[in-house]
Amino acid sequence: MKLLDLDSSLDNRKELATELGYTGAKDGSAEMNIWLHRAVLQELGKAGGQVPGKLKD
C-alpha cells in the first residue's frame, strides 16, 4: 500500500478490506493483509495497471 501512497494504518486497511469484499475478521492478521495485498493488485490490474505475474498469486 505504501508503494501506492496509500495510508496503511489498520483503520484504513479495515476500510479498504470492507470496500473490496473481505469477509473475514478485520483484525490486521496476516490472513487479512495477504488477502488485501492480492485484492489491491487485482484491482490495479483491472484498472489497466501492469502487475507482474509472480505478484498476482
N, C-alpha and C. Protein backbone atom coordinates (compact mmCIF):
# COMPACT_ATOMS: atom_id res chain seq x y z
N MET A 1 0.82 -1.18 0.00
CA MET A 1 0.00 0.00 0.00
C MET A 1 0.87 1.26 0.00
N LYS A 2 1.98 1.16 0.67
CA LYS A 2 2.87 2.32 0.71
C LYS A 2 3.43 2.65 -0.66
N LEU A 3 3.66 1.61 -1.48
CA LEU A 3 4.14 1.86 -2.84
C LEU A 3 3.12 2.63 -3.67
N LEU A 4 1.86 2.51 -3.30
CA LEU A 4 0.80 3.23 -4.00
C LEU A 4 0.45 4.54 -3.31
N ASP A 5 1.21 4.88 -2.29
CA ASP A 5 1.00 6.09 -1.50
C ASP A 5 -0.36 6.07 -0.80
N LEU A 6 -0.76 4.88 -0.34
CA LEU A 6 -1.99 4.72 0.43
C LEU A 6 -1.64 4.61 1.90
N ASP A 7 -2.47 5.18 2.73
CA ASP A 7 -2.28 5.08 4.17
C ASP A 7 -2.46 3.62 4.58
N SER A 8 -1.47 3.04 5.20
CA SER A 8 -1.53 1.62 5.56
C SER A 8 -1.86 1.38 7.03
N SER A 9 -2.45 2.37 7.68
CA SER A 9 -2.84 2.18 9.08
C SER A 9 -3.92 1.10 9.16
N LEU A 10 -4.06 0.51 10.30
CA LEU A 10 -5.04 -0.57 10.47
C LEU A 10 -6.44 -0.10 10.14
N ASP A 11 -6.81 1.07 10.58
CA ASP A 11 -8.16 1.57 10.29
C ASP A 11 -8.40 1.68 8.79
N ASN A 12 -7.43 2.16 8.06
CA ASN A 12 -7.59 2.29 6.61
C ASN A 12 -7.57 0.93 5.92
N ARG A 13 -6.75 0.01 6.42
CA ARG A 13 -6.75 -1.34 5.85
C ARG A 13 -8.10 -2.02 6.09
N LYS A 14 -8.69 -1.82 7.26
CA LYS A 14 -10.01 -2.38 7.54
C LYS A 14 -11.05 -1.82 6.58
N GLU A 15 -11.01 -0.52 6.38
CA GLU A 15 -11.97 0.13 5.48
C GLU A 15 -11.81 -0.37 4.04
N LEU A 16 -10.57 -0.46 3.59
CA LEU A 16 -10.31 -0.94 2.23
C LEU A 16 -10.73 -2.39 2.08
N ALA A 17 -10.45 -3.21 3.09
CA ALA A 17 -10.85 -4.61 3.04
C ALA A 17 -12.36 -4.73 2.92
N THR A 18 -13.09 -3.91 3.65
CA THR A 18 -14.55 -3.91 3.57
C THR A 18 -15.00 -3.51 2.18
N GLU A 19 -14.42 -2.46 1.62
CA GLU A 19 -14.78 -1.99 0.28
C GLU A 19 -14.52 -3.05 -0.78
N LEU A 20 -13.46 -3.84 -0.60
CA LEU A 20 -13.09 -4.84 -1.59
C LEU A 20 -13.76 -6.19 -1.36
N GLY A 21 -14.55 -6.31 -0.29
CA GLY A 21 -15.34 -7.51 -0.08
C GLY A 21 -14.76 -8.56 0.84
N TYR A 22 -13.80 -8.20 1.67
CA TYR A 22 -13.24 -9.17 2.61
C TYR A 22 -14.28 -9.52 3.66
N THR A 23 -14.45 -10.81 3.92
CA THR A 23 -15.48 -11.25 4.86
C THR A 23 -14.93 -11.82 6.15
N GLY A 24 -13.62 -11.95 6.26
CA GLY A 24 -13.02 -12.49 7.48
C GLY A 24 -12.92 -11.44 8.57
N ALA A 25 -12.26 -11.82 9.65
CA ALA A 25 -12.05 -10.89 10.77
C ALA A 25 -11.12 -9.77 10.33
N LYS A 26 -11.54 -8.57 10.60
CA LYS A 26 -10.74 -7.39 10.22
C LYS A 26 -9.91 -6.95 11.43
N ASP A 27 -8.91 -7.78 11.72
CA ASP A 27 -8.10 -7.57 12.92
C ASP A 27 -6.63 -7.32 12.62
N GLY A 28 -6.31 -7.11 11.35
CA GLY A 28 -4.92 -6.86 10.99
C GLY A 28 -4.07 -8.12 10.93
N SER A 29 -4.72 -9.27 10.89
CA SER A 29 -3.99 -10.54 10.86
C SER A 29 -3.24 -10.69 9.54
N ALA A 30 -2.32 -11.63 9.54
CA ALA A 30 -1.58 -11.94 8.31
C ALA A 30 -2.56 -12.37 7.23
N GLU A 31 -3.57 -13.15 7.59
CA GLU A 31 -4.56 -13.60 6.62
C GLU A 31 -5.25 -12.41 5.95
N MET A 32 -5.67 -11.44 6.73
CA MET A 32 -6.32 -10.26 6.17
C MET A 32 -5.36 -9.47 5.29
N ASN A 33 -4.15 -9.29 5.75
CA ASN A 33 -3.18 -8.50 5.00
C ASN A 33 -2.80 -9.14 3.67
N ILE A 34 -2.65 -10.46 3.66
CA ILE A 34 -2.34 -11.17 2.42
C ILE A 34 -3.50 -11.07 1.46
N TRP A 35 -4.71 -11.26 1.96
CA TRP A 35 -5.90 -11.14 1.12
C TRP A 35 -5.97 -9.73 0.54
N LEU A 36 -5.74 -8.73 1.37
CA LEU A 36 -5.82 -7.35 0.94
C LEU A 36 -4.77 -7.04 -0.12
N HIS A 37 -3.57 -7.54 0.08
CA HIS A 37 -2.50 -7.34 -0.90
C HIS A 37 -2.92 -7.89 -2.27
N ARG A 38 -3.43 -9.10 -2.27
CA ARG A 38 -3.86 -9.73 -3.53
C ARG A 38 -5.02 -8.96 -4.16
N ALA A 39 -5.96 -8.53 -3.34
CA ALA A 39 -7.12 -7.80 -3.86
C ALA A 39 -6.70 -6.46 -4.46
N VAL A 40 -5.79 -5.78 -3.82
CA VAL A 40 -5.31 -4.49 -4.35
C VAL A 40 -4.61 -4.70 -5.69
N LEU A 41 -3.77 -5.72 -5.78
CA LEU A 41 -3.09 -6.00 -7.05
C LEU A 41 -4.09 -6.36 -8.14
N GLN A 42 -5.12 -7.11 -7.79
CA GLN A 42 -6.15 -7.49 -8.76
C GLN A 42 -6.89 -6.24 -9.25
N GLU A 43 -7.21 -5.34 -8.35
CA GLU A 43 -7.90 -4.11 -8.74
C GLU A 43 -7.01 -3.24 -9.61
N LEU A 44 -5.73 -3.21 -9.31
CA LEU A 44 -4.79 -2.46 -10.16
C LEU A 44 -4.79 -3.01 -11.58
N GLY A 45 -4.77 -4.33 -11.69
CA GLY A 45 -4.79 -4.97 -12.99
C GLY A 45 -6.06 -4.64 -13.76
N LYS A 46 -7.20 -4.65 -13.07
CA LYS A 46 -8.47 -4.32 -13.71
C LYS A 46 -8.48 -2.89 -14.24
N ALA A 47 -7.77 -2.01 -13.54
CA ALA A 47 -7.75 -0.60 -13.91
C ALA A 47 -6.70 -0.31 -14.98
N GLY A 48 -6.05 -1.36 -15.48
CA GLY A 48 -5.08 -1.17 -16.54
C GLY A 48 -3.64 -1.12 -16.09
N GLY A 49 -3.42 -1.25 -14.80
CA GLY A 49 -2.05 -1.27 -14.29
C GLY A 49 -1.37 -2.58 -14.65
N GLN A 50 -0.08 -2.53 -14.84
CA GLN A 50 0.66 -3.73 -15.18
C GLN A 50 1.24 -4.33 -13.90
N VAL A 51 0.72 -5.49 -13.55
CA VAL A 51 1.15 -6.20 -12.35
C VAL A 51 1.89 -7.45 -12.80
N PRO A 52 3.16 -7.60 -12.40
CA PRO A 52 3.90 -8.81 -12.79
C PRO A 52 3.18 -10.08 -12.32
N GLY A 53 3.21 -11.10 -13.16
CA GLY A 53 2.51 -12.35 -12.86
C GLY A 53 2.89 -12.96 -11.53
N LYS A 54 4.16 -12.88 -11.15
CA LYS A 54 4.58 -13.51 -9.90
C LYS A 54 3.99 -12.80 -8.67
N LEU A 55 3.48 -11.60 -8.83
CA LEU A 55 2.88 -10.88 -7.71
C LEU A 55 1.38 -11.12 -7.61
N LYS A 56 0.80 -11.69 -8.63
CA LYS A 56 -0.66 -11.91 -8.65
C LYS A 56 -1.09 -13.08 -7.80
N ASP A 57 -0.24 -14.04 -7.57
CA ASP A 57 -0.64 -15.25 -6.83
C ASP A 57 -0.31 -15.16 -5.38
